[in-house]
Amino acid sequence: GGFRFPGAVTMIAADPSGLLTTAEAARLAGVARSTLRDWRRKGYLAPQGLDALGYPLHSAEAVRAAELKAQAKGIQASGIDPRQLRGRAA
């Protein structure tokens, strides 16, 4: 089965478990792989499994939850909600 985030393409995980590699999860979320590693370091994202080489695997749901948590923390830290800035001239 594939995974779908609103407004994103459907992606089928290469891993037979249906879990995503860091690269796949980053592509799905539209962020850099280093961002996912940062989310893991900050405790926003925990691996749901490991591949045959010991690299972390993630569910699409866990990636989405980490993305929402990172957004909320960013809004809390800056006091600026980027959703309120859309449509305004920079």
N, C-alpha and C. Protein backbone atom coordinates (compact mmCIF):
# COMPACT_ATOMS: atom_id res chain seq x y z
N GLY A 1 0.82 -1.19 0.00
CA GLY A 1 0.00 0.00 0.00
C GLY A 1 0.86 1.25 0.00
N GLY A 2 0.34 2.30 -0.56
CA GLY A 2 1.07 3.55 -0.60
C GLY A 2 0.66 4.45 0.54
N PHE A 3 1.40 5.51 0.73
CA PHE A 3 1.11 6.49 1.75
C PHE A 3 0.79 7.80 1.07
N ARG A 4 -0.09 8.59 1.66
CA ARG A 4 -0.43 9.87 1.05
C ARG A 4 -0.60 10.91 2.13
N PHE A 5 0.14 12.02 1.97
CA PHE A 5 -0.08 13.21 2.78
C PHE A 5 -0.90 14.15 1.93
N PRO A 6 -1.74 14.97 2.52
CA PRO A 6 -2.54 15.91 1.73
C PRO A 6 -1.62 16.77 0.84
N GLY A 7 -1.96 16.83 -0.44
CA GLY A 7 -1.20 17.65 -1.37
C GLY A 7 0.11 17.02 -1.81
N ALA A 8 0.36 15.78 -1.47
CA ALA A 8 1.62 15.13 -1.82
C ALA A 8 1.35 13.95 -2.75
N VAL A 9 2.39 13.46 -3.34
CA VAL A 9 2.28 12.29 -4.22
C VAL A 9 2.18 11.03 -3.37
N THR A 10 1.62 9.99 -3.95
CA THR A 10 1.57 8.69 -3.27
C THR A 10 2.92 8.02 -3.42
N MET A 11 3.40 7.40 -2.35
CA MET A 11 4.69 6.74 -2.38
C MET A 11 4.52 5.34 -1.83
N ILE A 12 5.12 4.38 -2.48
CA ILE A 12 5.12 3.00 -2.00
C ILE A 12 6.49 2.74 -1.39
N ALA A 13 6.50 2.28 -0.15
CA ALA A 13 7.76 2.02 0.56
C ALA A 13 8.50 0.86 -0.09
N ALA A 14 9.81 1.00 -0.18
CA ALA A 14 10.65 -0.06 -0.75
C ALA A 14 10.79 -1.23 0.22
N ASP A 15 10.70 -0.97 1.51
CA ASP A 15 10.84 -2.01 2.52
C ASP A 15 9.57 -2.85 2.55
N PRO A 16 9.69 -4.18 2.62
CA PRO A 16 8.50 -5.04 2.62
C PRO A 16 7.56 -4.79 3.81
N SER A 17 8.07 -4.23 4.89
CA SER A 17 7.23 -3.96 6.06
C SER A 17 6.30 -2.78 5.84
N GLY A 18 6.56 -2.01 4.78
CA GLY A 18 5.76 -0.81 4.54
C GLY A 18 6.34 0.42 5.22
N LEU A 19 7.42 0.24 5.98
CA LEU A 19 8.07 1.37 6.62
C LEU A 19 8.99 2.07 5.63
N LEU A 20 9.25 3.33 5.88
CA LEU A 20 10.03 4.17 4.97
C LEU A 20 11.45 4.37 5.47
N THR A 21 12.39 4.39 4.54
CA THR A 21 13.77 4.75 4.89
C THR A 21 13.80 6.25 5.18
N THR A 22 14.91 6.72 5.69
CA THR A 22 15.06 8.15 5.95
C THR A 22 14.90 8.95 4.66
N ALA A 23 15.49 8.49 3.58
CA ALA A 23 15.38 9.19 2.30
C ALA A 23 13.94 9.21 1.80
N GLU A 24 13.25 8.07 1.89
CA GLU A 24 11.85 8.01 1.45
C GLU A 24 10.97 8.90 2.31
N ALA A 25 11.17 8.85 3.63
CA ALA A 25 10.37 9.66 4.54
C ALA A 25 10.61 11.15 4.31
N ALA A 26 11.86 11.52 4.06
CA ALA A 26 12.18 12.92 3.80
C ALA A 26 11.51 13.39 2.50
N ARG A 27 11.57 12.56 1.47
CA ARG A 27 10.95 12.88 0.19
C ARG A 27 9.44 13.04 0.37
N LEU A 28 8.85 12.16 1.12
CA LEU A 28 7.41 12.21 1.36
C LEU A 28 7.01 13.48 2.11
N ALA A 29 7.80 13.86 3.10
CA ALA A 29 7.49 15.05 3.91
C ALA A 29 7.94 16.34 3.22
N GLY A 30 8.76 16.22 2.17
CA GLY A 30 9.24 17.41 1.48
C GLY A 30 10.32 18.15 2.23
N VAL A 31 11.13 17.40 2.98
CA VAL A 31 12.23 18.00 3.74
C VAL A 31 13.52 17.26 3.41
N ALA A 32 14.63 17.80 3.87
CA ALA A 32 15.93 17.16 3.67
C ALA A 32 16.10 15.99 4.64
N ARG A 33 16.93 15.03 4.26
CA ARG A 33 17.20 13.90 5.17
C ARG A 33 17.77 14.40 6.49
N SER A 34 18.58 15.45 6.43
CA SER A 34 19.16 16.00 7.67
C SER A 34 18.06 16.53 8.60
N THR A 35 16.95 16.98 8.03
CA THR A 35 15.83 17.45 8.87
C THR A 35 15.24 16.28 9.64
N LEU A 36 15.09 15.13 8.99
CA LEU A 36 14.56 13.95 9.70
C LEU A 36 15.53 13.51 10.80
N ARG A 37 16.82 13.56 10.49
CA ARG A 37 17.80 13.20 11.53
C ARG A 37 17.72 14.18 12.69
N ASP A 38 17.49 15.45 12.40
CA ASP A 38 17.31 16.47 13.45
C ASP A 38 16.06 16.18 14.27
N TRP A 39 14.97 15.80 13.61
CA TRP A 39 13.74 15.47 14.33
C TRP A 39 13.97 14.28 15.26
N ARG A 40 14.76 13.28 14.80
CA ARG A 40 15.07 12.14 15.69
C ARG A 40 15.90 12.61 16.87
N ARG A 41 16.90 13.45 16.60
CA ARG A 41 17.78 13.95 17.68
C ARG A 41 16.98 14.72 18.73
N LYS A 42 16.00 15.50 18.27
CA LYS A 42 15.19 16.31 19.18
C LYS A 42 14.08 15.50 19.86
N GLY A 43 13.90 14.26 19.45
CA GLY A 43 12.89 13.42 20.07
C GLY A 43 11.51 13.54 19.44
N TYR A 44 11.40 14.20 18.29
CA TYR A 44 10.11 14.33 17.62
C TYR A 44 9.75 13.06 16.85
N LEU A 45 10.76 12.28 16.47
CA LEU A 45 10.56 11.11 15.61
C LEU A 45 11.40 9.96 16.13
N ALA A 46 10.75 8.85 16.42
CA ALA A 46 11.46 7.64 16.83
C ALA A 46 11.31 6.60 15.73
N PRO A 47 12.36 5.84 15.45
CA PRO A 47 12.25 4.80 14.42
C PRO A 47 11.21 3.75 14.82
N GLN A 48 10.46 3.27 13.84
CA GLN A 48 9.50 2.20 14.08
C GLN A 48 10.11 0.84 13.76
N GLY A 49 11.33 0.85 13.26
CA GLY A 49 12.04 -0.38 12.94
C GLY A 49 13.40 -0.05 12.38
N LEU A 50 14.15 -1.10 12.05
CA LEU A 50 15.47 -0.96 11.45
C LEU A 50 15.53 -1.83 10.21
N ASP A 51 16.27 -1.35 9.19
CA ASP A 51 16.44 -2.18 8.00
C ASP A 51 17.53 -3.21 8.25
N ALA A 52 17.86 -3.99 7.24
CA ALA A 52 18.84 -5.07 7.38
C ALA A 52 20.22 -4.56 7.76
N LEU A 53 20.50 -3.30 7.45
CA LEU A 53 21.81 -2.73 7.79
C LEU A 53 21.78 -1.93 9.09
N GLY A 54 20.63 -1.90 9.76
CA GLY A 54 20.53 -1.20 11.03
C GLY A 54 20.12 0.26 10.92
N TYR A 55 19.72 0.69 9.72
CA TYR A 55 19.27 2.08 9.54
C TYR A 55 17.81 2.21 9.95
N PRO A 56 17.41 3.38 10.48
CA PRO A 56 16.05 3.54 10.97
C PRO A 56 15.01 3.54 9.85
N LEU A 57 13.85 3.00 10.19
CA LEU A 57 12.68 3.00 9.31
C LEU A 57 11.54 3.68 10.04
N HIS A 58 10.68 4.36 9.26
CA HIS A 58 9.60 5.15 9.87
C HIS A 58 8.28 4.90 9.17
N SER A 59 7.20 4.98 9.93
CA SER A 59 5.88 4.93 9.31
C SER A 59 5.53 6.33 8.82
N ALA A 60 4.68 6.39 7.81
CA ALA A 60 4.24 7.69 7.30
C ALA A 60 3.53 8.49 8.39
N GLU A 61 2.78 7.81 9.23
CA GLU A 61 2.06 8.48 10.30
C GLU A 61 3.01 9.11 11.31
N ALA A 62 4.09 8.41 11.64
CA ALA A 62 5.07 8.95 12.59
C ALA A 62 5.79 10.16 12.00
N VAL A 63 6.07 10.11 10.71
CA VAL A 63 6.73 11.25 10.05
C VAL A 63 5.81 12.46 10.07
N ARG A 64 4.53 12.25 9.77
CA ARG A 64 3.57 13.36 9.78
C ARG A 64 3.44 13.94 11.19
N ALA A 65 3.39 13.09 12.20
CA ALA A 65 3.30 13.58 13.58
C ALA A 65 4.54 14.38 13.96
N ALA A 66 5.71 13.93 13.53
CA ALA A 66 6.95 14.66 13.81
C ALA A 66 6.96 16.01 13.11
N GLU A 67 6.45 16.02 11.87
CA GLU A 67 6.37 17.27 11.13
C GLU A 67 5.47 18.28 11.84
N LEU A 68 4.33 17.82 12.32
CA LEU A 68 3.41 18.70 13.04
C LEU A 68 4.02 19.20 14.35
N LYS A 69 4.75 18.31 15.04
CA LYS A 69 5.39 18.71 16.29
C LYS A 69 6.48 19.74 16.03
N ALA A 70 7.27 19.54 14.97
CA ALA A 70 8.33 20.49 14.62
C ALA A 70 7.73 21.84 14.26
N GLN A 71 6.63 21.84 13.52
CA GLN A 71 5.96 23.10 13.17
C GLN A 71 5.46 23.81 14.42
N ALA A 72 4.84 23.05 15.31
CA ALA A 72 4.31 23.65 16.54
C ALA A 72 5.43 24.23 17.40
N LYS A 73 6.54 23.50 17.50
CA LYS A 73 7.68 24.00 18.29
C LYS A 73 8.26 25.26 17.66
N GLY A 74 8.32 25.31 16.33
CA GLY A 74 8.83 26.49 15.63
C GLY A 74 7.95 27.70 15.86
N ILE A 75 6.64 27.48 15.80
CA ILE A 75 5.70 28.58 16.04
C ILE A 75 5.83 29.06 17.48
N GLN A 76 5.94 28.11 18.41
CA GLN A 76 6.07 28.45 19.83
C GLN A 76 7.35 29.24 20.08
N ALA A 77 8.46 28.81 19.47
CA ALA A 77 9.75 29.46 19.69
C ALA A 77 9.81 30.85 19.07
N SER A 78 9.23 31.01 17.88
CA SER A 78 9.34 32.30 17.17
C SER A 78 8.19 33.25 17.48
N GLY A 79 7.05 32.67 17.86
CA GLY A 79 5.86 33.50 18.07
C GLY A 79 5.21 33.90 16.76
N ILE A 80 5.69 33.34 15.64
CA ILE A 80 5.15 33.67 14.32
C ILE A 80 4.58 32.41 13.70
N ASP A 81 3.33 32.49 13.29
CA ASP A 81 2.69 31.38 12.61
C ASP A 81 2.80 31.65 11.11
N PRO A 82 3.60 30.86 10.36
CA PRO A 82 3.77 31.12 8.94
C PRO A 82 2.47 31.04 8.15
N ARG A 83 1.49 30.32 8.66
CA ARG A 83 0.20 30.24 7.97
C ARG A 83 -0.48 31.59 7.93
N GLN A 84 -0.19 32.46 8.91
CA GLN A 84 -0.79 33.78 8.95
C GLN A 84 -0.07 34.76 8.01
N LEU A 85 1.14 34.40 7.58
CA LEU A 85 1.93 35.25 6.70
C LEU A 85 1.63 35.02 5.23
N ARG A 86 1.01 33.91 4.90
CA ARG A 86 0.75 33.58 3.50
C ARG A 86 -0.13 34.64 2.86
N GLY A 87 0.23 34.96 1.65
CA GLY A 87 -0.56 35.93 0.91
C GLY A 87 -0.13 37.36 1.14
N ARG A 88 0.76 37.57 2.08
CA ARG A 88 1.28 38.93 2.35
C ARG A 88 2.54 39.15 1.55
N ALA A 89 2.73 40.35 1.08
CA ALA A 89 3.96 40.69 0.35
C ALA A 89 5.12 40.71 1.32
N ALA A 90 6.24 40.19 0.89
CA ALA A 90 7.42 40.15 1.77
C ALA A 90 8.18 41.45 1.74
